[in-house]
Amino acid sequence: MHKYMRAIGFSVLPKRKEVYNLIEEGVRQPHARSYTTSDEDEDSLLAQFDIELGDGIGISVCGQFDESDQFYPEYYYPYLDTDIISTGEEVTVDRRIDTDSYAGICDDLRIGVTLIFRLRNCVEYLKNTHKHFQPLDNATCSLSALSIEGMVMMPLFKSDADKKKKKDTELKRGQLLNAARNGDENAIRDLTVADMDVYANIMSHIQYEDIYTLVESYFMPYGAECDLYSVLGEIRAIQSVTNRVTQEEVLIMTLDINGLYLSVCINRQDLYGEPEPGRRFKGVIWLQGKINFLIEDNSISGQISEIHDVN
């Protein structure tokens, strides 16, 4: 049983029969569905059904139809959908070994680590790869995550001058990272010196200050799974959603992690503290993502939500 079902409102994990009944109902009347032919078997049809249990949350069921139009579910997982465009960096996709699911891989300079996430729209990806163009050219990615443990932390005090200095520093660092990626030796040297200065500053203050007053946000791999991360980020927006089956409340928070925006869903029972915009969320997340492909009119197959800064 998938333990992250708890994040979308199943604090008591449903029994196997209850899940199968939910899947049967959802396959008959899904919120969204997608199909594509299988490369391995021309007589079978790959299918994905999204069963919505609340605004943006639900269960995704993936499987195959055989030649007699009989659907065989292979796996399911809880999901959170978002319209926020998280990154425009290049994304590569790789198939997982154990199932027909796929993983997205993206190097975003703002985070400093390679983002690996479960690809939500794998059927759409396969349909695009069957066409005569590169499906990931100029594509963007919308990231979301589920969490089963987290806490709310107070924000750091920042004056207007501090905020302006931070924006200028981030802009300069982004320019240096882009130049370093293109092989600029001067940019590589400047980045190395800047990292040494940050390390020295932290070491000089950590003896008498709490670490979370020095580190405003982070994004780090967690555990043995490649798509689990420990994060700390600023809360920009909050939405409360009720699971229509269990009537449990879940919270969907928009986080700003060093300029990377993503949505996180967590059961209200698993969140310690009272979330408010401007405060910080600290917890472990399971990362998911959708690739927004370009369509014929050069628009993005997905909506872009604007995030307004919190004063």
C-alpha atoms as a PDB file:
ATOM      1  CA  MET A   1       0.000   0.000   0.000  1.00  0.00           C
ATOM      2  CA  HIS A   2       1.321   3.426  -0.922  1.00  0.00           C
ATOM      3  CA  LYS A   3       2.132   5.287   2.287  1.00  0.00           C
ATOM      4  CA  TYR A   4       1.785   8.701   0.602  1.00  0.00           C
ATOM      5  CA  MET A   5      -1.967   8.097   0.325  1.00  0.00           C
ATOM      6  CA  ARG A   6      -1.954   9.729   3.775  1.00  0.00           C
ATOM      7  CA  ALA A   7      -0.905  13.025   2.220  1.00  0.00           C
ATOM      8  CA  ILE A   8      -4.124  13.314   0.188  1.00  0.00           C
ATOM      9  CA  GLY A   9      -6.446  12.575   3.106  1.00  0.00           C
ATOM     10  CA  PHE A  10      -6.197   8.875   3.962  1.00  0.00           C
ATOM     11  CA  SER A  11      -4.839   8.977   7.521  1.00  0.00           C
ATOM     12  CA  VAL A  12      -6.130   5.398   7.851  1.00  0.00           C
ATOM     13  CA  LEU A  13      -4.893   3.570   4.770  1.00  0.00           C
ATOM     14  CA  PRO A  14      -7.787   2.022   2.833  1.00  0.00           C
ATOM     15  CA  LYS A  15      -7.973  -1.725   2.473  1.00  0.00           C
ATOM     16  CA  ARG A  16      -7.042  -3.319  -0.820  1.00  0.00           C
ATOM     17  CA  LYS A  17     -10.692  -4.006  -1.713  1.00  0.00           C
ATOM     18  CA  GLU A  18     -11.625  -0.379  -1.010  1.00  0.00           C
ATOM     19  CA  VAL A  19      -8.865   0.806  -3.290  1.00  0.00           C
ATOM     20  CA  TYR A  20      -9.972  -1.542  -6.081  1.00  0.00           C
ATOM     21  CA  ASN A  21     -13.557  -0.313  -5.742  1.00  0.00           C
ATOM     22  CA  LEU A  22     -12.323   3.267  -5.952  1.00  0.00           C
ATOM     23  CA  ILE A  23     -10.256   2.416  -9.038  1.00  0.00           C
ATOM     24  CA  GLU A  24     -13.216   0.706 -10.756  1.00  0.00           C
ATOM     25  CA  GLU A  25     -15.405   3.741 -10.109  1.00  0.00           C
ATOM     26  CA  GLY A  26     -12.693   6.093 -11.335  1.00  0.00           C
ATOM     27  CA  VAL A  27     -12.021   4.135 -14.532  1.00  0.00           C
ATOM     28  CA  ARG A  28     -15.722   4.348 -15.417  1.00  0.00           C
ATOM     29  CA  GLN A  29     -15.913   8.094 -14.679  1.00  0.00           C
ATOM     30  CA  PRO A  30     -12.393   9.536 -14.503  1.00  0.00           C
ATOM     31  CA  HIS A  31     -11.506  13.192 -14.058  1.00  0.00           C
ATOM     32  CA  ALA A  32      -8.976  12.846 -16.901  1.00  0.00           C
ATOM     33  CA  ARG A  33      -7.780  10.030 -19.143  1.00  0.00           C
ATOM     34  CA  SER A  34      -5.070   9.498 -21.745  1.00  0.00           C
ATOM     35  CA  TYR A  35      -4.123   6.650 -24.074  1.00  0.00           C
ATOM     36  CA  THR A  36      -1.284   5.668 -26.372  1.00  0.00           C
ATOM     37  CA  THR A  37      -0.123   2.530 -28.135  1.00  0.00           C
ATOM     38  CA  SER A  38       2.538   0.344 -26.556  1.00  0.00           C
ATOM     39  CA  ASP A  39       5.934  -0.006 -28.251  1.00  0.00           C
ATOM     40  CA  GLU A  40       6.322  -3.541 -26.890  1.00  0.00           C
ATOM     41  CA  ASP A  41       2.889  -4.882 -27.887  1.00  0.00           C
ATOM     42  CA  GLU A  42       0.927  -3.357 -30.763  1.00  0.00           C
ATOM     43  CA  ASP A  43      -2.273  -5.081 -29.597  1.00  0.00           C
ATOM     44  CA  SER A  44      -2.227  -3.372 -26.192  1.00  0.00           C
ATOM     45  CA  LEU A  45      -3.046   0.193 -25.294  1.00  0.00           C
ATOM     46  CA  LEU A  46      -1.362   2.091 -22.463  1.00  0.00           C
ATOM     47  CA  ALA A  47      -3.823   4.088 -20.381  1.00  0.00           C
ATOM     48  CA  GLN A  48      -3.777   6.498 -17.440  1.00  0.00           C
ATOM     49  CA  PHE A  49      -6.858   7.499 -15.444  1.00  0.00           C
ATOM     50  CA  ASP A  50      -6.868  10.354 -12.915  1.00  0.00           C
ATOM     51  CA  ILE A  51      -9.433   9.917 -10.137  1.00  0.00           C
ATOM     52  CA  GLU A  52      -9.964  13.299  -8.492  1.00  0.00           C
ATOM     53  CA  LEU A  53     -10.730  13.206  -4.757  1.00  0.00           C
ATOM     54  CA  GLY A  54     -10.558  16.956  -4.193  1.00  0.00           C
ATOM     55  CA  ASP A  55      -9.468  20.139  -5.915  1.00  0.00           C
ATOM     56  CA  GLY A  56      -6.156  19.098  -7.502  1.00  0.00           C
ATOM     57  CA  ILE A  57      -5.624  15.890  -5.512  1.00  0.00           C
ATOM     58  CA  GLY A  58      -6.453  12.292  -6.329  1.00  0.00           C
ATOM     59  CA  ILE A  59      -5.233   8.889  -7.436  1.00  0.00           C
ATOM     60  CA  SER A  60      -3.656   8.128 -10.793  1.00  0.00           C
ATOM     61  CA  VAL A  61      -4.144   4.594 -12.163  1.00  0.00           C
ATOM     62  CA  CYS A  62      -1.938   3.262 -14.953  1.00  0.00           C
ATOM     63  CA  GLY A  63      -2.358   0.042 -16.893  1.00  0.00           C
ATOM     64  CA  GLN A  64      -3.120  -1.509 -20.269  1.00  0.00           C
ATOM     65  CA  PHE A  65      -6.092  -2.487 -22.414  1.00  0.00           C
ATOM     66  CA  ASP A  66      -5.797  -5.789 -24.234  1.00  0.00           C
ATOM     67  CA  GLU A  67      -7.225  -6.666 -27.659  1.00  0.00           C
ATOM     68  CA  SER A  68     -10.633  -7.457 -26.099  1.00  0.00           C
ATOM     69  CA  ASP A  69     -10.819  -3.957 -24.547  1.00  0.00           C
ATOM     70  CA  GLN A  70     -10.254  -5.278 -21.023  1.00  0.00           C
ATOM     71  CA  PHE A  71      -8.364  -2.892 -18.725  1.00  0.00           C
ATOM     72  CA  TYR A  72      -5.670  -4.323 -16.436  1.00  0.00           C
ATOM     73  CA  PRO A  73      -4.380  -1.858 -13.811  1.00  0.00           C
ATOM     74  CA  GLU A  74      -0.660  -2.229 -13.127  1.00  0.00           C
ATOM     75  CA  TYR A  75      -0.001   0.403 -10.471  1.00  0.00           C
ATOM     76  CA  TYR A  76      -1.502   3.493  -8.880  1.00  0.00           C
ATOM     77  CA  TYR A  77      -0.197   6.423  -6.866  1.00  0.00           C
ATOM     78  CA  PRO A  78      -1.571   9.560  -5.163  1.00  0.00           C
ATOM     79  CA  TYR A  79      -0.982  12.849  -6.943  1.00  0.00           C
ATOM     80  CA  LEU A  80      -1.161  16.613  -6.633  1.00  0.00           C
ATOM     81  CA  ASP A  81      -1.633  18.741  -9.743  1.00  0.00           C
ATOM     82  CA  THR A  82      -0.536  22.360 -10.032  1.00  0.00           C
ATOM     83  CA  ASP A  83      -0.610  25.095 -12.674  1.00  0.00           C
ATOM     84  CA  ILE A  84       2.565  26.769 -11.416  1.00  0.00           C
ATOM     85  CA  ILE A  85       5.471  26.771 -13.862  1.00  0.00           C
ATOM     86  CA  SER A  86       8.436  25.750 -11.704  1.00  0.00           C
ATOM     87  CA  THR A  87      11.326  25.642 -14.164  1.00  0.00           C
ATOM     88  CA  GLY A  88      12.159  26.124 -17.808  1.00  0.00           C
ATOM     89  CA  GLU A  89      15.441  24.219 -17.672  1.00  0.00           C
ATOM     90  CA  GLU A  90      16.031  21.248 -19.953  1.00  0.00           C
ATOM     91  CA  VAL A  91      14.339  18.048 -18.774  1.00  0.00           C
ATOM     92  CA  THR A  92      15.376  14.527 -19.699  1.00  0.00           C
ATOM     93  CA  VAL A  93      13.132  11.509 -19.173  1.00  0.00           C
ATOM     94  CA  ASP A  94      14.155   7.967 -18.275  1.00  0.00           C
ATOM     95  CA  ARG A  95      12.025   4.866 -17.842  1.00  0.00           C
ATOM     96  CA  ARG A  96      12.034   3.138 -14.475  1.00  0.00           C
ATOM     97  CA  ILE A  97      13.151  -0.464 -14.271  1.00  0.00           C
ATOM     98  CA  ASP A  98      10.305  -1.990 -12.268  1.00  0.00           C
ATOM     99  CA  THR A  99       7.206  -0.466 -13.948  1.00  0.00           C
ATOM    100  CA  ASP A 100       6.129   1.449 -17.049  1.00  0.00           C
ATOM    101  CA  SER A 101       6.445   4.696 -15.093  1.00  0.00           C
ATOM    102  CA  TYR A 102       8.977   7.370 -15.992  1.00  0.00           C
ATOM    103  CA  ALA A 103      11.256   9.743 -14.113  1.00  0.00           C
ATOM    104  CA  GLY A 104      12.023  13.316 -15.093  1.00  0.00           C
ATOM    105  CA  ILE A 105      15.532  14.689 -14.519  1.00  0.00           C
ATOM    106  CA  CYS A 106      16.329  18.389 -14.446  1.00  0.00           C
ATOM    107  CA  ASP A 107      19.368  20.461 -13.416  1.00  0.00           C
ATOM    108  CA  ASP A 108      18.109  23.779 -12.041  1.00  0.00           C
ATOM    109  CA  LEU A 109      20.879  26.196 -11.120  1.00  0.00           C
ATOM    110  CA  ARG A 110      18.853  27.827  -8.345  1.00  0.00           C
ATOM    111  CA  ILE A 111      18.749  24.610  -6.295  1.00  0.00           C
ATOM    112  CA  GLY A 112      22.240  23.222  -6.797  1.00  0.00           C
ATOM    113  CA  VAL A 113      21.113  19.584  -6.992  1.00  0.00           C
ATOM    114  CA  THR A 114      19.702  17.444  -9.778  1.00  0.00           C
ATOM    115  CA  LEU A 115      15.912  17.271  -9.529  1.00  0.00           C
ATOM    116  CA  ILE A 116      14.528  13.762 -10.071  1.00  0.00           C
ATOM    117  CA  PHE A 117      10.760  13.420 -10.007  1.00  0.00           C
ATOM    118  CA  ARG A 118       7.977  11.012 -10.987  1.00  0.00           C
ATOM    119  CA  LEU A 119       6.627  12.083 -14.357  1.00  0.00           C
ATOM    120  CA  ARG A 120       2.870  12.649 -14.014  1.00  0.00           C
ATOM    121  CA  ASN A 121       1.999  12.797 -17.718  1.00  0.00           C
ATOM    122  CA  CYS A 122       4.038   9.861 -19.009  1.00  0.00           C
ATOM    123  CA  VAL A 123       1.374   8.904 -21.586  1.00  0.00           C
ATOM    124  CA  GLU A 124       1.457  12.418 -23.037  1.00  0.00           C
ATOM    125  CA  TYR A 125       5.247  12.185 -23.130  1.00  0.00           C
ATOM    126  CA  LEU A 126       5.108   8.877 -25.037  1.00  0.00           C
ATOM    127  CA  LYS A 127       2.606  10.333 -27.521  1.00  0.00           C
ATOM    128  CA  ASN A 128       4.952  13.241 -28.177  1.00  0.00           C
ATOM    129  CA  THR A 129       7.977  11.005 -28.690  1.00  0.00           C
ATOM    130  CA  HIS A 130       6.065   9.192 -31.444  1.00  0.00           C
ATOM    131  CA  LYS A 131       5.975  12.420 -33.451  1.00  0.00           C
ATOM    132  CA  HIS A 132       8.677  13.747 -35.756  1.00  0.00           C
ATOM    133  CA  PHE A 133      10.089  16.410 -33.440  1.00  0.00           C
ATOM    134  CA  GLN A 134      11.897  16.636 -30.157  1.00  0.00           C
ATOM    135  CA  PRO A 135       9.106  16.808 -27.544  1.00  0.00           C
ATOM    136  CA  LEU A 136      11.196  18.495 -24.843  1.00  0.00           C
ATOM    137  CA  ASP A 137      12.355  21.487 -26.887  1.00  0.00           C
ATOM    138  CA  ASN A 138      11.323  24.696 -25.059  1.00  0.00           C
ATOM    139  CA  ALA A 139       9.114  22.699 -22.684  1.00  0.00           C
ATOM    140  CA  THR A 140       8.526  23.854 -19.126  1.00  0.00           C
ATOM    141  CA  CYS A 141       7.888  21.802 -16.006  1.00  0.00           C
ATOM    142  CA  SER A 142       5.332  22.118 -13.199  1.00  0.00           C
ATOM    143  CA  LEU A 143       6.541  20.530  -9.963  1.00  0.00           C
ATOM    144  CA  SER A 144       4.376  19.320  -7.085  1.00  0.00           C
ATOM    145  CA  ALA A 145       5.026  17.167  -4.036  1.00  0.00           C
ATOM    146  CA  LEU A 146       3.371  15.115  -1.308  1.00  0.00           C
ATOM    147  CA  SER A 147       4.493  15.120   2.319  1.00  0.00           C
ATOM    148  CA  ILE A 148       3.594  13.005   5.331  1.00  0.00           C
ATOM    149  CA  GLU A 149       5.674  14.912   7.880  1.00  0.00           C
ATOM    150  CA  GLY A 150       6.389  18.600   8.214  1.00  0.00           C
ATOM    151  CA  MET A 151       6.496  21.600  10.493  1.00  0.00           C
ATOM    152  CA  VAL A 152       6.010  25.343  10.231  1.00  0.00           C
ATOM    153  CA  MET A 153       8.908  27.602  11.182  1.00  0.00           C
ATOM    154  CA  MET A 154       8.910  31.327  11.797  1.00  0.00           C
ATOM    155  CA  PRO A 155      10.378  33.552   9.072  1.00  0.00           C
ATOM    156  CA  LEU A 156      13.647  35.408   9.209  1.00  0.00           C
ATOM    157  CA  PHE A 157      13.486  39.148   9.706  1.00  0.00           C
ATOM    158  CA  LYS A 158      14.505  40.958   6.524  1.00  0.00           C
ATOM    159  CA  SER A 159      14.539  44.700   5.957  1.00  0.00           C
ATOM    160  CA  ASP A 160      13.873  46.239   2.550  1.00  0.00           C
ATOM    161  CA  ALA A 161      17.619  46.621   2.092  1.00  0.00           C
ATOM    162  CA  ASP A 162      18.127  42.932   2.896  1.00  0.00           C
ATOM    163  CA  LYS A 163      15.492  41.923   0.333  1.00  0.00           C
ATOM    164  CA  LYS A 164      17.068  44.084  -2.357  1.00  0.00           C
ATOM    165  CA  LYS A 165      20.526  42.752  -1.565  1.00  0.00           C
ATOM    166  CA  LYS A 166      19.244  39.182  -1.768  1.00  0.00           C
ATOM    167  CA  LYS A 167      17.669  39.760  -5.193  1.00  0.00           C
ATOM    168  CA  ASP A 168      20.856  41.366  -6.496  1.00  0.00           C
ATOM    169  CA  THR A 169      22.944  38.479  -5.147  1.00  0.00           C
ATOM    170  CA  GLU A 170      20.649  35.857  -6.693  1.00  0.00           C
ATOM    171  CA  LEU A 171      20.715  37.654 -10.054  1.00  0.00           C
ATOM    172  CA  LYS A 172      24.510  37.883 -10.036  1.00  0.00           C
ATOM    173  CA  ARG A 173      24.883  34.258  -8.953  1.00  0.00           C
ATOM    174  CA  GLY A 174      22.529  33.114 -11.706  1.00  0.00           C
ATOM    175  CA  GLN A 175      24.579  34.965 -14.301  1.00  0.00           C
ATOM    176  CA  LEU A 176      27.789  33.428 -12.961  1.00  0.00           C
ATOM    177  CA  LEU A 177      26.289  29.929 -12.968  1.00  0.00           C
ATOM    178  CA  ASN A 178      25.178  30.283 -16.571  1.00  0.00           C
ATOM    179  CA  ALA A 179      28.620  31.534 -17.552  1.00  0.00           C
ATOM    180  CA  ALA A 180      30.319  28.710 -15.617  1.00  0.00           C
ATOM    181  CA  ARG A 181      28.133  26.142 -17.341  1.00  0.00           C
ATOM    182  CA  ASN A 182      29.393  27.509 -20.657  1.00  0.00           C
ATOM    183  CA  GLY A 183      33.001  27.080 -19.543  1.00  0.00           C
ATOM    184  CA  ASP A 184      33.898  30.573 -18.300  1.00  0.00           C
ATOM    185  CA  GLU A 185      36.905  30.060 -16.005  1.00  0.00           C
ATOM    186  CA  ASN A 186      36.552  33.498 -14.371  1.00  0.00           C
ATOM    187  CA  ALA A 187      32.949  32.710 -13.431  1.00  0.00           C
ATOM    188  CA  ILE A 188      34.009  29.350 -11.979  1.00  0.00           C
ATOM    189  CA  ARG A 189      36.651  31.073  -9.883  1.00  0.00           C
ATOM    190  CA  ASP A 190      34.219  33.751  -8.654  1.00  0.00           C
ATOM    191  CA  LEU A 191      31.688  31.103  -7.665  1.00  0.00           C
ATOM    192  CA  THR A 192      34.331  29.130  -5.789  1.00  0.00           C
ATOM    193  CA  VAL A 193      35.415  32.226  -3.856  1.00  0.00           C
ATOM    194  CA  ALA A 194      31.784  33.119  -3.060  1.00  0.00           C
ATOM    195  CA  ASP A 195      31.089  29.602  -1.753  1.00  0.00           C
ATOM    196  CA  MET A 196      34.194  29.762   0.438  1.00  0.00           C
ATOM    197  CA  ASP A 197      33.049  33.108   1.854  1.00  0.00           C
ATOM    198  CA  VAL A 198      29.600  31.692   2.651  1.00  0.00           C
ATOM    199  CA  TYR A 199      31.160  28.646   4.344  1.00  0.00           C
ATOM    200  CA  ALA A 200      33.470  30.812   6.427  1.00  0.00           C
ATOM    201  CA  ASN A 201      30.592  33.097   7.427  1.00  0.00           C
ATOM    202  CA  ILE A 202      28.425  30.159   8.537  1.00  0.00           C
ATOM    203  CA  MET A 203      31.244  28.559  10.520  1.00  0.00           C
ATOM    204  CA  SER A 204      31.920  31.814  12.347  1.00  0.00           C
ATOM    205  CA  HIS A 205      28.261  32.269  13.355  1.00  0.00           C
ATOM    206  CA  ILE A 206      27.112  28.697  13.955  1.00  0.00           C
ATOM    207  CA  GLN A 207      28.869  28.572  17.327  1.00  0.00           C
ATOM    208  CA  TYR A 208      26.388  30.997  18.878  1.00  0.00           C
ATOM    209  CA  GLU A 209      23.440  31.110  16.442  1.00  0.00           C
ATOM    210  CA  ASP A 210      20.806  28.568  15.437  1.00  0.00           C
ATOM    211  CA  ILE A 211      21.409  27.004  12.009  1.00  0.00           C
ATOM    212  CA  TYR A 212      17.920  27.991  10.797  1.00  0.00           C
ATOM    213  CA  THR A 213      18.661  31.661  11.391  1.00  0.00           C
ATOM    214  CA  LEU A 214      21.580  31.330   8.966  1.00  0.00           C
ATOM    215  CA  VAL A 215      19.984  29.051   6.349  1.00  0.00           C
ATOM    216  CA  GLU A 216      16.787  30.496   4.882  1.00  0.00           C
ATOM    217  CA  SER A 217      15.993  27.593   2.528  1.00  0.00           C
ATOM    218  CA  TYR A 218      17.450  24.332   1.239  1.00  0.00           C
ATOM    219  CA  PHE A 219      16.642  21.427  -1.080  1.00  0.00           C
ATOM    220  CA  MET A 220      18.508  18.181  -0.351  1.00  0.00           C
ATOM    221  CA  PRO A 221      18.127  14.505  -1.345  1.00  0.00           C
ATOM    222  CA  TYR A 222      16.671  12.360   1.428  1.00  0.00           C
ATOM    223  CA  GLY A 223      16.963   8.630   2.046  1.00  0.00           C
ATOM    224  CA  ALA A 224      17.511   5.914  -0.538  1.00  0.00           C
ATOM    225  CA  GLU A 225      14.759   6.902  -2.990  1.00  0.00           C
ATOM    226  CA  CYS A 226      15.885   9.244  -5.763  1.00  0.00           C
ATOM    227  CA  ASP A 227      12.692  11.370  -5.734  1.00  0.00           C
ATOM    228  CA  LEU A 228      12.555  12.052  -1.970  1.00  0.00           C
ATOM    229  CA  TYR A 229      13.903  15.369  -0.678  1.00  0.00           C
ATOM    230  CA  SER A 230      14.245  17.263   2.560  1.00  0.00           C
ATOM    231  CA  VAL A 231      13.235  20.887   1.989  1.00  0.00           C
ATOM    232  CA  LEU A 232      12.958  24.208   3.731  1.00  0.00           C
ATOM    233  CA  GLY A 233      11.141  26.972   1.924  1.00  0.00           C
ATOM    234  CA  GLU A 234       9.033  30.074   2.366  1.00  0.00           C
ATOM    235  CA  ILE A 235       5.252  29.642   2.234  1.00  0.00           C
ATOM    236  CA  ARG A 236       3.728  31.962  -0.374  1.00  0.00           C
ATOM    237  CA  ALA A 237       0.125  30.702  -0.557  1.00  0.00           C
ATOM    238  CA  ILE A 238      -2.118  28.178   1.235  1.00  0.00           C
ATOM    239  CA  GLN A 239      -5.228  26.318   0.115  1.00  0.00           C
ATOM    240  CA  SER A 240      -7.408  23.980   2.170  1.00  0.00           C
ATOM    241  CA  VAL A 241      -8.935  20.988   0.339  1.00  0.00           C
ATOM    242  CA  THR A 242     -11.284  18.285   1.661  1.00  0.00           C
ATOM    243  CA  ASN A 243     -10.976  14.664   0.532  1.00  0.00           C
ATOM    244  CA  ARG A 244     -14.477  13.737  -0.701  1.00  0.00           C
ATOM    245  CA  VAL A 245     -14.102  10.098   0.443  1.00  0.00           C
ATOM    246  CA  THR A 246     -12.682  10.524   3.948  1.00  0.00           C
ATOM    247  CA  GLN A 247     -13.720  14.170   4.572  1.00  0.00           C
ATOM    248  CA  GLU A 248     -10.220  14.840   5.908  1.00  0.00           C
ATOM    249  CA  GLU A 249      -8.613  18.234   5.434  1.00  0.00           C
ATOM    250  CA  VAL A 250      -5.378  18.535   3.479  1.00  0.00           C
ATOM    251  CA  LEU A 251      -3.332  21.684   2.946  1.00  0.00           C
ATOM    252  CA  ILE A 252      -1.764  22.688  -0.365  1.00  0.00           C
ATOM    253  CA  MET A 253       1.082  25.141   0.128  1.00  0.00           C
ATOM    254  CA  THR A 254       3.007  27.041  -2.530  1.00  0.00           C
ATOM    255  CA  LEU A 255       6.667  27.123  -1.504  1.00  0.00           C
ATOM    256  CA  ASP A 256       9.475  29.385  -2.629  1.00  0.00           C
ATOM    257  CA  ILE A 257      12.774  27.518  -2.300  1.00  0.00           C
ATOM    258  CA  ASN A 258      15.549  29.839  -3.400  1.00  0.00           C
ATOM    259  CA  GLY A 259      13.440  31.050  -6.323  1.00  0.00           C
ATOM    260  CA  LEU A 260      12.012  27.642  -7.259  1.00  0.00           C
ATOM    261  CA  TYR A 261       8.228  27.486  -6.821  1.00  0.00           C
ATOM    262  CA  LEU A 262       6.409  24.225  -6.171  1.00  0.00           C
ATOM    263  CA  SER A 263       3.175  23.056  -4.533  1.00  0.00           C
ATOM    264  CA  VAL A 264       3.218  20.698  -1.545  1.00  0.00           C
ATOM    265  CA  CYS A 265       0.222  18.736  -0.238  1.00  0.00           C
ATOM    266  CA  ILE A 266       0.139  17.487   3.348  1.00  0.00           C
ATOM    267  CA  ASN A 267      -2.540  16.088   5.651  1.00  0.00           C
ATOM    268  CA  ARG A 268      -3.486  18.712   8.243  1.00  0.00           C
ATOM    269  CA  GLN A 269      -2.887  16.100  10.975  1.00  0.00           C
ATOM    270  CA  ASP A 270       0.747  15.691   9.880  1.00  0.00           C
ATOM    271  CA  LEU A 271       1.664  19.381   9.903  1.00  0.00           C
ATOM    272  CA  TYR A 272       3.044  20.758  13.151  1.00  0.00           C
ATOM    273  CA  GLY A 273       2.320  24.459  13.518  1.00  0.00           C
ATOM    274  CA  GLU A 274       0.037  27.009  11.887  1.00  0.00           C
ATOM    275  CA  PRO A 275       0.973  27.812   8.277  1.00  0.00           C
ATOM    276  CA  GLU A 276       0.803  31.427   7.143  1.00  0.00           C
ATOM    277  CA  PRO A 277       2.241  33.219   4.103  1.00  0.00           C
ATOM    278  CA  GLY A 278       5.723  34.414   4.966  1.00  0.00           C
ATOM    279  CA  ARG A 279       6.447  31.577   7.385  1.00  0.00           C
ATOM    280  CA  ARG A 280       8.594  28.595   6.386  1.00  0.00           C
ATOM    281  CA  PHE A 281       7.796  24.935   5.822  1.00  0.00           C
ATOM    282  CA  LYS A 282      10.323  22.252   6.745  1.00  0.00           C
ATOM    283  CA  GLY A 283       9.702  18.632   5.843  1.00  0.00           C
ATOM    284  CA  VAL A 284      10.297  15.611   3.618  1.00  0.00           C
ATOM    285  CA  ILE A 285       8.579  15.557   0.218  1.00  0.00           C
ATOM    286  CA  TRP A 286       7.978  13.083  -2.605  1.00  0.00           C
ATOM    287  CA  LEU A 287       8.524  15.020  -5.824  1.00  0.00           C
ATOM    288  CA  GLN A 288       6.262  14.785  -8.868  1.00  0.00           C
ATOM    289  CA  GLY A 289       6.150  16.817 -12.046  1.00  0.00           C
ATOM    290  CA  LYS A 290       4.359  17.463 -15.328  1.00  0.00           C
ATOM    291  CA  ILE A 291       6.090  18.498 -18.531  1.00  0.00           C
ATOM    292  CA  ASN A 292       4.184  21.249 -20.330  1.00  0.00           C
ATOM    293  CA  PHE A 293       4.683  20.550 -24.031  1.00  0.00           C
ATOM    294  CA  LEU A 294       4.348  23.167 -26.737  1.00  0.00           C
ATOM    295  CA  ILE A 295       1.341  22.752 -28.999  1.00  0.00           C
ATOM    296  CA  GLU A 296       0.845  23.910 -32.577  1.00  0.00           C
ATOM    297  CA  ASP A 297      -0.031  27.513 -31.738  1.00  0.00           C
ATOM    298  CA  ASN A 298       3.225  27.777 -29.710  1.00  0.00           C
ATOM    299  CA  SER A 299       1.330  28.072 -26.444  1.00  0.00           C
ATOM    300  CA  ILE A 300       2.009  25.875 -23.444  1.00  0.00           C
ATOM    301  CA  SER A 301      -0.267  22.922 -22.725  1.00  0.00           C
ATOM    302  CA  GLY A 302      -0.935  24.140 -19.209  1.00  0.00           C
ATOM    303  CA  GLN A 303      -1.725  27.350 -17.410  1.00  0.00           C
ATOM    304  CA  ILE A 304       0.778  29.638 -15.747  1.00  0.00           C
ATOM    305  CA  SER A 305      -0.079  30.993 -12.312  1.00  0.00           C
ATOM    306  CA  GLU A 306       1.622  34.167 -11.198  1.00  0.00           C
ATOM    307  CA  ILE A 307       3.080  34.227  -7.702  1.00  0.00           C
ATOM    308  CA  HIS A 308       3.067  37.605  -6.020  1.00  0.00           C
ATOM    309  CA  ASP A 309       5.762  38.418  -3.518  1.00  0.00           C
ATOM    310  CA  VAL A 310       4.741  38.539   0.125  1.00  0.00           C
ATOM    311  CA  ASN A 311       5.834  41.751   1.777  1.00  0.00           C
END
